[in-house]
PDB file of N, CA and C in Angstrom:
ATOM      1  N   MET A   1      -6.314   0.051  13.775  1.00  0.00           N
ATOM      2  CA  MET A   1      -5.081   0.690  14.169  1.00  0.00           C
ATOM      3  C   MET A   1      -4.883   1.949  13.335  1.00  0.00           C
ATOM      4  N   ASP A   2      -4.531   3.005  13.949  1.00  0.00           N
ATOM      5  CA  ASP A   2      -4.248   4.253  13.255  1.00  0.00           C
ATOM      6  C   ASP A   2      -2.833   4.686  13.589  1.00  0.00           C
ATOM      7  N   GLN A   3      -2.130   5.171  12.579  1.00  0.00           N
ATOM      8  CA  GLN A   3      -0.803   5.732  12.777  1.00  0.00           C
ATOM      9  C   GLN A   3      -0.768   7.044  12.028  1.00  0.00           C
ATOM     10  N   ALA A   4      -0.254   8.068  12.660  1.00  0.00           N
ATOM     11  CA  ALA A   4      -0.140   9.354  11.980  1.00  0.00           C
ATOM     12  C   ALA A   4       1.103  10.076  12.452  1.00  0.00           C
ATOM     13  N   ASP A   5       1.766  10.737  11.543  1.00  0.00           N
ATOM     14  CA  ASP A   5       2.941  11.547  11.834  1.00  0.00           C
ATOM     15  C   ASP A   5       2.728  12.879  11.135  1.00  0.00           C
ATOM     16  N   PRO A   6       2.447  13.951  11.882  1.00  0.00           N
ATOM     17  CA  PRO A   6       2.122  15.224  11.244  1.00  0.00           C
ATOM     18  C   PRO A   6       3.268  15.808  10.427  1.00  0.00           C
ATOM     19  N   ASP A   7       4.514  15.415  10.711  1.00  0.00           N
ATOM     20  CA  ASP A   7       5.642  15.942   9.955  1.00  0.00           C
ATOM     21  C   ASP A   7       5.752  15.343   8.562  1.00  0.00           C
ATOM     22  N   SER A   8       5.344  14.080   8.390  1.00  0.00           N
ATOM     23  CA  SER A   8       5.489  13.445   7.091  1.00  0.00           C
ATOM     24  C   SER A   8       4.160  13.289   6.361  1.00  0.00           C
ATOM     25  N   PHE A   9       3.068  13.683   6.975  1.00  0.00           N
ATOM     26  CA  PHE A   9       1.752  13.582   6.341  1.00  0.00           C
ATOM     27  C   PHE A   9       1.462  12.151   5.892  1.00  0.00           C
ATOM     28  N   PHE A  10       1.629  11.224   6.812  1.00  0.00           N
ATOM     29  CA  PHE A  10       1.397   9.808   6.538  1.00  0.00           C
ATOM     30  C   PHE A  10       0.452   9.267   7.596  1.00  0.00           C
ATOM     31  N   ALA A  11      -0.515   8.485   7.157  1.00  0.00           N
ATOM     32  CA  ALA A  11      -1.425   7.834   8.097  1.00  0.00           C
ATOM     33  C   ALA A  11      -1.917   6.524   7.502  1.00  0.00           C
ATOM     34  N   THR A  12      -2.153   5.561   8.373  1.00  0.00           N
ATOM     35  CA  THR A  12      -2.781   4.307   7.957  1.00  0.00           C
ATOM     36  C   THR A  12      -3.953   4.031   8.878  1.00  0.00           C
ATOM     37  N   THR A  13      -4.974   3.446   8.296  1.00  0.00           N
ATOM     38  CA  THR A  13      -6.098   2.932   9.060  1.00  0.00           C
ATOM     39  C   THR A  13      -6.286   1.497   8.608  1.00  0.00           C
ATOM     40  N   THR A  14      -6.322   0.588   9.554  1.00  0.00           N
ATOM     41  CA  THR A  14      -6.391  -0.837   9.240  1.00  0.00           C
ATOM     42  C   THR A  14      -7.694  -1.433   9.732  1.00  0.00           C
ATOM     43  N   GLU A  15      -8.323  -2.207   8.865  1.00  0.00           N
ATOM     44  CA  GLU A  15      -9.524  -2.961   9.213  1.00  0.00           C
ATOM     45  C   GLU A  15      -9.233  -4.430   8.978  1.00  0.00           C
ATOM     46  N   VAL A  16      -9.614  -5.259   9.923  1.00  0.00           N
ATOM     47  CA  VAL A  16      -9.381  -6.694   9.809  1.00  0.00           C
ATOM     48  C   VAL A  16     -10.717  -7.413   9.871  1.00  0.00           C
ATOM     49  N   GLU A  17     -10.965  -8.243   8.859  1.00  0.00           N
ATOM     50  CA  GLU A  17     -12.144  -9.114   8.837  1.00  0.00           C
ATOM     51  C   GLU A  17     -11.657 -10.523   8.567  1.00  0.00           C
ATOM     52  N   GLY A  18     -11.560 -11.315   9.590  1.00  0.00           N
ATOM     53  CA  GLY A  18     -11.035 -12.670   9.424  1.00  0.00           C
ATOM     54  C   GLY A  18      -9.603 -12.621   8.948  1.00  0.00           C
ATOM     55  N   ASP A  19      -9.353 -13.210   7.770  1.00  0.00           N
ATOM     56  CA  ASP A  19      -7.986 -13.228   7.227  1.00  0.00           C
ATOM     57  C   ASP A  19      -7.758 -12.113   6.207  1.00  0.00           C
ATOM     58  N   HIS A  20      -8.716 -11.194   6.074  1.00  0.00           N
ATOM     59  CA  HIS A  20      -8.614 -10.091   5.113  1.00  0.00           C
ATOM     60  C   HIS A  20      -8.260  -8.804   5.853  1.00  0.00           C
ATOM     61  N   VAL A  21      -7.146  -8.206   5.453  1.00  0.00           N
ATOM     62  CA  VAL A  21      -6.699  -6.943   6.036  1.00  0.00           C
ATOM     63  C   VAL A  21      -6.845  -5.855   4.987  1.00  0.00           C
ATOM     64  N   ARG A  22      -7.558  -4.785   5.351  1.00  0.00           N
ATOM     65  CA  ARG A  22      -7.706  -3.610   4.483  1.00  0.00           C
ATOM     66  C   ARG A  22      -6.948  -2.460   5.129  1.00  0.00           C
ATOM     67  N   VAL A  23      -6.082  -1.832   4.341  1.00  0.00           N
ATOM     68  CA  VAL A  23      -5.294  -0.718   4.855  1.00  0.00           C
ATOM     69  C   VAL A  23      -5.549   0.506   3.988  1.00  0.00           C
ATOM     70  N   LEU A  24      -6.069   1.554   4.607  1.00  0.00           N
ATOM     71  CA  LEU A  24      -6.245   2.836   3.953  1.00  0.00           C
ATOM     72  C   LEU A  24      -5.010   3.659   4.278  1.00  0.00           C
ATOM     73  N   VAL A  25      -4.291   4.071   3.245  1.00  0.00           N
ATOM     74  CA  VAL A  25      -3.060   4.828   3.417  1.00  0.00           C
ATOM     75  C   VAL A  25      -3.279   6.220   2.847  1.00  0.00           C
ATOM     76  N   SER A  26      -2.820   7.231   3.578  1.00  0.00           N
ATOM     77  CA  SER A  26      -2.917   8.595   3.067  1.00  0.00           C
ATOM     78  C   SER A  26      -1.607   9.329   3.321  1.00  0.00           C
ATOM     79  N   GLY A  27      -1.361  10.318   2.477  1.00  0.00           N
ATOM     80  CA  GLY A  27      -0.152  11.117   2.622  1.00  0.00           C
ATOM     81  C   GLY A  27       0.989  10.609   1.775  1.00  0.00           C
ATOM     82  N   GLU A  28       2.176  10.645   2.348  1.00  0.00           N
ATOM     83  CA  GLU A  28       3.406  10.319   1.632  1.00  0.00           C
ATOM     84  C   GLU A  28       3.937   8.952   2.051  1.00  0.00           C
ATOM     85  N   VAL A  29       4.152   8.090   1.054  1.00  0.00           N
ATOM     86  CA  VAL A  29       4.772   6.798   1.320  1.00  0.00           C
ATOM     87  C   VAL A  29       6.177   6.872   0.740  1.00  0.00           C
ATOM     88  N   ASP A  30       7.168   6.818   1.633  1.00  0.00           N
ATOM     89  CA  ASP A  30       8.560   6.963   1.226  1.00  0.00           C
ATOM     90  C   ASP A  30       9.435   6.087   2.121  1.00  0.00           C
ATOM     91  N   MET A  31      10.738   6.330   2.097  1.00  0.00           N
ATOM     92  CA  MET A  31      11.656   5.511   2.866  1.00  0.00           C
ATOM     93  C   MET A  31      11.312   5.529   4.360  1.00  0.00           C
ATOM     94  N   ALA A  32      10.819   6.633   4.849  1.00  0.00           N
ATOM     95  CA  ALA A  32      10.509   6.758   6.266  1.00  0.00           C
ATOM     96  C   ALA A  32       9.194   6.076   6.657  1.00  0.00           C
ATOM     97  N   THR A  33       8.295   5.851   5.702  1.00  0.00           N
ATOM     98  CA  THR A  33       6.960   5.346   6.037  1.00  0.00           C
ATOM     99  C   THR A  33       6.591   4.010   5.390  1.00  0.00           C
ATOM    100  N   ALA A  34       7.358   3.559   4.418  1.00  0.00           N
ATOM    101  CA  ALA A  34       7.012   2.327   3.687  1.00  0.00           C
ATOM    102  C   ALA A  34       6.933   1.118   4.614  1.00  0.00           C
ATOM    103  N   ASP A  35       7.855   1.019   5.575  1.00  0.00           N
ATOM    104  CA  ASP A  35       7.812  -0.119   6.502  1.00  0.00           C
ATOM    105  C   ASP A  35       6.552  -0.096   7.365  1.00  0.00           C
ATOM    106  N   ALA A  36       6.106   1.092   7.752  1.00  0.00           N
ATOM    107  CA  ALA A  36       4.874   1.194   8.540  1.00  0.00           C
ATOM    108  C   ALA A  36       3.678   0.707   7.724  1.00  0.00           C
ATOM    109  N   MET A  37       3.685   0.980   6.419  1.00  0.00           N
ATOM    110  CA  MET A  37       2.615   0.497   5.555  1.00  0.00           C
ATOM    111  C   MET A  37       2.635  -1.035   5.508  1.00  0.00           C
ATOM    112  N   ILE A  38       3.824  -1.613   5.370  1.00  0.00           N
ATOM    113  CA  ILE A  38       3.940  -3.072   5.355  1.00  0.00           C
ATOM    114  C   ILE A  38       3.479  -3.665   6.682  1.00  0.00           C
ATOM    115  N   GLN A  39       3.907  -3.083   7.782  1.00  0.00           N
ATOM    116  CA  GLN A  39       3.517  -3.595   9.098  1.00  0.00           C
ATOM    117  C   GLN A  39       2.004  -3.523   9.302  1.00  0.00           C
ATOM    118  N   ALA A  40       1.381  -2.458   8.828  1.00  0.00           N
ATOM    119  CA  ALA A  40      -0.068  -2.338   8.944  1.00  0.00           C
ATOM    120  C   ALA A  40      -0.778  -3.429   8.148  1.00  0.00           C
ATOM    121  N   ALA A  41      -0.197  -3.807   7.013  1.00  0.00           N
ATOM    122  CA  ALA A  41      -0.831  -4.790   6.127  1.00  0.00           C
ATOM    123  C   ALA A  41      -0.579  -6.235   6.538  1.00  0.00           C
ATOM    124  N   THR A  42       0.524  -6.496   7.186  1.00  0.00           N
ATOM    125  CA  THR A  42       0.921  -7.887   7.446  1.00  0.00           C
ATOM    126  C   THR A  42       0.638  -8.306   8.877  1.00  0.00           C
ATOM    127  N   ARG A  43      -0.572  -8.114   9.272  1.00  0.00           N
ATOM    128  CA  ARG A  43      -0.989  -8.547  10.600  1.00  0.00           C
ATOM    129  C   ARG A  43      -0.975 -10.075  10.664  1.00  0.00           C
ATOM    130  N   GLU A  44      -0.801 -10.590  11.845  1.00  0.00           N
ATOM    131  CA  GLU A  44      -0.807 -12.034  12.029  1.00  0.00           C
ATOM    132  C   GLU A  44      -2.131 -12.612  11.532  1.00  0.00           C
ATOM    133  N   GLY A  45      -2.048 -13.644  10.737  1.00  0.00           N
ATOM    134  CA  GLY A  45      -3.234 -14.284  10.190  1.00  0.00           C
ATOM    135  C   GLY A  45      -3.704 -13.711   8.872  1.00  0.00           C
ATOM    136  N   ALA A  46      -3.065 -12.660   8.388  1.00  0.00           N
ATOM    137  CA  ALA A  46      -3.476 -12.058   7.117  1.00  0.00           C
ATOM    138  C   ALA A  46      -3.176 -13.000   5.964  1.00  0.00           C
ATOM    139  N   ARG A  47      -4.174 -13.236   5.151  1.00  0.00           N
ATOM    140  CA  ARG A  47      -3.992 -14.038   3.940  1.00  0.00           C
ATOM    141  C   ARG A  47      -4.378 -13.238   2.701  1.00  0.00           C
ATOM    142  N   ARG A  48      -5.232 -12.235   2.875  1.00  0.00           N
ATOM    143  CA  ARG A  48      -5.636 -11.346   1.787  1.00  0.00           C
ATOM    144  C   ARG A  48      -5.411  -9.909   2.246  1.00  0.00           C
ATOM    145  N   ILE A  49      -4.855  -9.099   1.348  1.00  0.00           N
ATOM    146  CA  ILE A  49      -4.570  -7.711   1.690  1.00  0.00           C
ATOM    147  C   ILE A  49      -5.134  -6.793   0.608  1.00  0.00           C
ATOM    148  N   THR A  50      -5.807  -5.755   1.054  1.00  0.00           N
ATOM    149  CA  THR A  50      -6.242  -4.682   0.168  1.00  0.00           C
ATOM    150  C   THR A  50      -5.564  -3.408   0.638  1.00  0.00           C
ATOM    151  N   LEU A  51      -4.786  -2.797  -0.255  1.00  0.00           N
ATOM    152  CA  LEU A  51      -4.161  -1.510   0.020  1.00  0.00           C
ATOM    153  C   LEU A  51      -4.927  -0.447  -0.740  1.00  0.00           C
ATOM    154  N   ASP A  52      -5.527   0.462  -0.009  1.00  0.00           N
ATOM    155  CA  ASP A  52      -6.231   1.577  -0.629  1.00  0.00           C
ATOM    156  C   ASP A  52      -5.285   2.774  -0.588  1.00  0.00           C
ATOM    157  N   LEU A  53      -4.670   3.064  -1.717  1.00  0.00           N
ATOM    158  CA  LEU A  53      -3.685   4.137  -1.826  1.00  0.00           C
ATOM    159  C   LEU A  53      -4.271   5.365  -2.521  1.00  0.00           C
ATOM    160  N   ARG A  54      -5.590   5.455  -2.604  1.00  0.00           N
ATOM    161  CA  ARG A  54      -6.227   6.550  -3.330  1.00  0.00           C
ATOM    162  C   ARG A  54      -6.025   7.918  -2.679  1.00  0.00           C
ATOM    163  N   SER A  55      -5.553   7.939  -1.435  1.00  0.00           N
ATOM    164  CA  SER A  55      -5.276   9.207  -0.755  1.00  0.00           C
ATOM    165  C   SER A  55      -3.782   9.458  -0.604  1.00  0.00           C
ATOM    166  N   VAL A  56      -2.977   8.722  -1.351  1.00  0.00           N
ATOM    167  CA  VAL A  56      -1.521   8.896  -1.297  1.00  0.00           C
ATOM    168  C   VAL A  56      -1.111   9.983  -2.283  1.00  0.00           C
ATOM    169  N   SER A  57      -0.323  10.939  -1.780  1.00  0.00           N
ATOM    170  CA  SER A  57       0.106  12.078  -2.601  1.00  0.00           C
ATOM    171  C   SER A  57       1.543  11.962  -3.088  1.00  0.00           C
ATOM    172  N   PHE A  58       2.337  11.096  -2.468  1.00  0.00           N
ATOM    173  CA  PHE A  58       3.734  10.909  -2.856  1.00  0.00           C
ATOM    174  C   PHE A  58       4.072   9.445  -2.689  1.00  0.00           C
ATOM    175  N   PHE A  59       4.790   8.884  -3.665  1.00  0.00           N
ATOM    176  CA  PHE A  59       5.075   7.451  -3.703  1.00  0.00           C
ATOM    177  C   PHE A  59       6.441   7.292  -4.347  1.00  0.00           C
ATOM    178  N   ASP A  60       7.455   6.871  -3.561  1.00  0.00           N
ATOM    179  CA  ASP A  60       8.811   6.795  -4.109  1.00  0.00           C
ATOM    180  C   ASP A  60       9.267   5.346  -4.291  1.00  0.00           C
ATOM    181  N   SER A  61      10.557   5.163  -4.544  1.00  0.00           N
ATOM    182  CA  SER A  61      11.090   3.820  -4.816  1.00  0.00           C
ATOM    183  C   SER A  61      10.950   2.896  -3.612  1.00  0.00           C
ATOM    184  N   ALA A  62      11.048   3.417  -2.400  1.00  0.00           N
ATOM    185  CA  ALA A  62      10.845   2.583  -1.213  1.00  0.00           C
ATOM    186  C   ALA A  62       9.404   2.087  -1.146  1.00  0.00           C
ATOM    187  N   ALA A  63       8.473   2.927  -1.552  1.00  0.00           N
ATOM    188  CA  ALA A  63       7.067   2.538  -1.586  1.00  0.00           C
ATOM    189  C   ALA A  63       6.831   1.473  -2.650  1.00  0.00           C
ATOM    190  N   ILE A  64       7.447   1.654  -3.814  1.00  0.00           N
ATOM    191  CA  ILE A  64       7.349   0.640  -4.875  1.00  0.00           C
ATOM    192  C   ILE A  64       7.863  -0.695  -4.354  1.00  0.00           C
ATOM    193  N   HIS A  65       9.032  -0.663  -3.730  1.00  0.00           N
ATOM    194  CA  HIS A  65       9.628  -1.891  -3.183  1.00  0.00           C
ATOM    195  C   HIS A  65       8.686  -2.532  -2.165  1.00  0.00           C
ATOM    196  N   ALA A  66       8.051  -1.738  -1.327  1.00  0.00           N
ATOM    197  CA  ALA A  66       7.140  -2.276  -0.317  1.00  0.00           C
ATOM    198  C   ALA A  66       5.955  -2.990  -0.966  1.00  0.00           C
ATOM    199  N   VAL A  67       5.382  -2.391  -1.992  1.00  0.00           N
ATOM    200  CA  VAL A  67       4.239  -3.016  -2.664  1.00  0.00           C
ATOM    201  C   VAL A  67       4.666  -4.283  -3.403  1.00  0.00           C
ATOM    202  N   VAL A  68       5.816  -4.244  -4.051  1.00  0.00           N
ATOM    203  CA  VAL A  68       6.320  -5.443  -4.735  1.00  0.00           C
ATOM    204  C   VAL A  68       6.582  -6.555  -3.725  1.00  0.00           C
ATOM    205  N   ARG A  69       7.125  -6.207  -2.588  1.00  0.00           N
ATOM    206  CA  ARG A  69       7.362  -7.201  -1.529  1.00  0.00           C
ATOM    207  C   ARG A  69       6.042  -7.823  -1.067  1.00  0.00           C
ATOM    208  N   LEU A  70       5.024  -6.993  -0.871  1.00  0.00           N
ATOM    209  CA  LEU A  70       3.713  -7.532  -0.492  1.00  0.00           C
ATOM    210  C   LEU A  70       3.154  -8.433  -1.583  1.00  0.00           C
ATOM    211  N   ALA A  71       3.336  -8.051  -2.846  1.00  0.00           N
ATOM    212  CA  ALA A  71       2.857  -8.871  -3.962  1.00  0.00           C
ATOM    213  C   ALA A  71       3.560 -10.222  -3.987  1.00  0.00           C
ATOM    214  N   GLU A  72       4.839 -10.238  -3.656  1.00  0.00           N
ATOM    215  CA  GLU A  72       5.584 -11.498  -3.614  1.00  0.00           C
ATOM    216  C   GLU A  72       5.152 -12.358  -2.425  1.00  0.00           C
ATOM    217  N   ASP A  73       4.895 -11.727  -1.284  1.00  0.00           N
ATOM    218  CA  ASP A  73       4.517 -12.461  -0.079  1.00  0.00           C
ATOM    219  C   ASP A  73       3.054 -12.906  -0.089  1.00  0.00           C
ATOM    220  N   PHE A  74       2.222 -12.210  -0.865  1.00  0.00           N
ATOM    221  CA  PHE A  74       0.793 -12.517  -0.937  1.00  0.00           C
ATOM    222  C   PHE A  74       0.365 -12.647  -2.398  1.00  0.00           C
ATOM    223  N   PRO A  75       0.943 -13.627  -3.119  1.00  0.00           N
ATOM    224  CA  PRO A  75       0.596 -13.774  -4.540  1.00  0.00           C
ATOM    225  C   PRO A  75      -0.891 -14.101  -4.697  1.00  0.00           C
ATOM    226  N   ASP A  76      -1.510 -13.455  -5.644  1.00  0.00           N
ATOM    227  CA  ASP A  76      -2.922 -13.675  -5.976  1.00  0.00           C
ATOM    228  C   ASP A  76      -3.895 -13.215  -4.899  1.00  0.00           C
ATOM    229  N   THR A  77      -3.414 -12.612  -3.806  1.00  0.00           N
ATOM    230  CA  THR A  77      -4.334 -12.161  -2.761  1.00  0.00           C
ATOM    231  C   THR A  77      -4.101 -10.705  -2.370  1.00  0.00           C
ATOM    232  N   LEU A  78      -3.271  -9.992  -3.122  1.00  0.00           N
ATOM    233  CA  LEU A  78      -3.058  -8.564  -2.891  1.00  0.00           C
ATOM    234  C   LEU A  78      -3.868  -7.771  -3.907  1.00  0.00           C
ATOM    235  N   THR A  79      -4.560  -6.750  -3.418  1.00  0.00           N
ATOM    236  CA  THR A  79      -5.285  -5.816  -4.268  1.00  0.00           C
ATOM    237  C   THR A  79      -4.837  -4.411  -3.906  1.00  0.00           C
ATOM    238  N   VAL A  80      -4.491  -3.613  -4.917  1.00  0.00           N
ATOM    239  CA  VAL A  80      -4.051  -2.240  -4.691  1.00  0.00           C
ATOM    240  C   VAL A  80      -4.925  -1.283  -5.491  1.00  0.00           C
ATOM    241  N   PHE A  81      -5.511  -0.309  -4.791  1.00  0.00           N
ATOM    242  CA  PHE A  81      -6.267   0.764  -5.427  1.00  0.00           C
ATOM    243  C   PHE A  81      -5.386   2.010  -5.386  1.00  0.00           C
ATOM    244  N   PRO A  82      -4.872   2.464  -6.543  1.00  0.00           N
ATOM    245  CA  PRO A  82      -3.921   3.574  -6.549  1.00  0.00           C
ATOM    246  C   PRO A  82      -4.577   4.945  -6.684  1.00  0.00           C
ATOM    247  N   SER A  83      -3.880   5.950  -6.181  1.00  0.00           N
ATOM    248  CA  SER A  83      -4.229   7.325  -6.515  1.00  0.00           C
ATOM    249  C   SER A  83      -3.680   7.598  -7.910  1.00  0.00           C
ATOM    250  N   ARG A  84      -3.996   8.742  -8.473  1.00  0.00           N
ATOM    251  CA  ARG A  84      -3.439   9.093  -9.791  1.00  0.00           C
ATOM    252  C   ARG A  84      -1.917   9.157  -9.714  1.00  0.00           C
ATOM    253  N   GLN A  85      -1.391   9.698  -8.616  1.00  0.00           N
ATOM    254  CA  GLN A  85       0.057   9.799  -8.446  1.00  0.00           C
ATOM    255  C   GLN A  85       0.701   8.419  -8.349  1.00  0.00           C
ATOM    256  N   VAL A  86       0.110   7.542  -7.565  1.00  0.00           N
ATOM    257  CA  VAL A  86       0.652   6.184  -7.428  1.00  0.00           C
ATOM    258  C   VAL A  86       0.593   5.469  -8.770  1.00  0.00           C
ATOM    259  N   ARG A  87      -0.518   5.587  -9.472  1.00  0.00           N
ATOM    260  CA  ARG A  87      -0.663   4.961 -10.795  1.00  0.00           C
ATOM    261  C   ARG A  87       0.445   5.450 -11.726  1.00  0.00           C
ATOM    262  N   ARG A  88       0.683   6.739 -11.728  1.00  0.00           N
ATOM    263  CA  ARG A  88       1.711   7.315 -12.603  1.00  0.00           C
ATOM    264  C   ARG A  88       3.095   6.737 -12.276  1.00  0.00           C
ATOM    265  N   VAL A  89       3.431   6.671 -11.004  1.00  0.00           N
ATOM    266  CA  VAL A  89       4.734   6.131 -10.583  1.00  0.00           C
ATOM    267  C   VAL A  89       4.839   4.662 -10.976  1.00  0.00           C
ATOM    268  N   LEU A  90       3.793   3.890 -10.757  1.00  0.00           N
ATOM    269  CA  LEU A  90       3.835   2.465 -11.112  1.00  0.00           C
ATOM    270  C   LEU A  90       3.902   2.282 -12.625  1.00  0.00           C
ATOM    271  N   ASP A  91       3.197   3.098 -13.390  1.00  0.00           N
ATOM    272  CA  ASP A  91       3.282   3.023 -14.851  1.00  0.00           C
ATOM    273  C   ASP A  91       4.704   3.324 -15.321  1.00  0.00           C
ATOM    274  N   ILE A  92       5.293   4.383 -14.789  1.00  0.00           N
ATOM    275  CA  ILE A  92       6.655   4.760 -15.182  1.00  0.00           C
ATOM    276  C   ILE A  92       7.656   3.669 -14.820  1.00  0.00           C
ATOM    277  N   SER A  93       7.428   3.010 -13.696  1.00  0.00           N
ATOM    278  CA  SER A  93       8.365   1.975 -13.257  1.00  0.00           C
ATOM    279  C   SER A  93       8.132   0.629 -13.945  1.00  0.00           C
ATOM    280  N   GLY A  94       7.129   0.554 -14.823  1.00  0.00           N
ATOM    281  CA  GLY A  94       6.869  -0.686 -15.549  1.00  0.00           C
ATOM    282  C   GLY A  94       5.953  -1.648 -14.820  1.00  0.00           C
ATOM    283  N   LEU A  95       5.309  -1.196 -13.751  1.00  0.00           N
ATOM    284  CA  LEU A  95       4.444  -2.075 -12.962  1.00  0.00           C
ATOM    285  C   LEU A  95       2.954  -1.786 -13.173  1.00  0.00           C
ATOM    286  N   GLY A  96       2.635  -0.978 -14.149  1.00  0.00           N
ATOM    287  CA  GLY A  96       1.251  -0.574 -14.361  1.00  0.00           C
ATOM    288  C   GLY A  96       0.312  -1.662 -14.821  1.00  0.00           C
ATOM    289  N   ASP A  97       0.841  -2.803 -15.238  1.00  0.00           N
ATOM    290  CA  ASP A  97      -0.019  -3.885 -15.729  1.00  0.00           C
ATOM    291  C   ASP A  97      -0.064  -5.085 -14.780  1.00  0.00           C
ATOM    292  N   GLN A  98       0.316  -4.886 -13.554  1.00  0.00           N
ATOM    293  CA  GLN A  98       0.318  -5.990 -12.587  1.00  0.00           C
ATOM    294  C   GLN A  98      -1.108  -6.409 -12.252  1.00  0.00           C
ATOM    295  N   PRO A  99      -1.342  -7.707 -12.046  1.00  0.00           N
ATOM    296  CA  PRO A  99      -2.701  -8.181 -11.767  1.00  0.00           C
ATOM    297  C   PRO A  99      -3.259  -7.674 -10.443  1.00  0.00           C
ATOM    298  N   TRP A 100      -2.421  -7.271  -9.516  1.00  0.00           N
ATOM    299  CA  TRP A 100      -2.887  -6.783  -8.219  1.00  0.00           C
ATOM    300  C   TRP A 100      -3.324  -5.324  -8.269  1.00  0.00           C
ATOM    301  N   LEU A 101      -3.009  -4.627  -9.360  1.00  0.00           N
ATOM    302  CA  LEU A 101      -3.317  -3.209  -9.476  1.00  0.00           C
ATOM    303  C   LEU A 101      -4.697  -3.027 -10.111  1.00  0.00           C
ATOM    304  N   ARG A 102      -5.569  -2.310  -9.421  1.00  0.00           N
ATOM    305  CA  ARG A 102      -6.918  -2.066  -9.905  1.00  0.00           C
ATOM    306  C   ARG A 102      -6.995  -0.712 -10.579  1.00  0.00           C
ATOM    307  N   PRO A 103      -8.017  -0.516 -11.403  1.00  0.00           N
ATOM    308  CA  PRO A 103      -8.181   0.795 -12.044  1.00  0.00           C
ATOM    309  C   PRO A 103      -8.369   1.885 -10.997  1.00  0.00           C
ATOM    310  N   ASP A 104      -7.860   3.074 -11.302  1.00  0.00           N
ATOM    311  CA  ASP A 104      -8.033   4.183 -10.361  1.00  0.00           C
ATOM    312  C   ASP A 104      -9.323   4.917 -10.617  1.00  0.00           C
TER     313      ASP A 104
END
């Protein structure tokens, strides 16, 4: 599944392998796009989620909330690969040491 909005520079690409959903996110994740990121990740039957945020250029409090929500809904099965910007925002917000966060 691909979603793109040229006005907000947001896109997701989703790959599903059994119960593992991989979502490549690019652009800006904010109040207008965070729900789309969650919807892309929470496909029916998903038990493991990988969020590849290495192409994300903007990440706000709505995006933080979305990732925390996914971490709560998928404990021990969420993996997040951050961009430098996402890493910085998560570090500042006190979430830089979460077990779901991988090195950038």
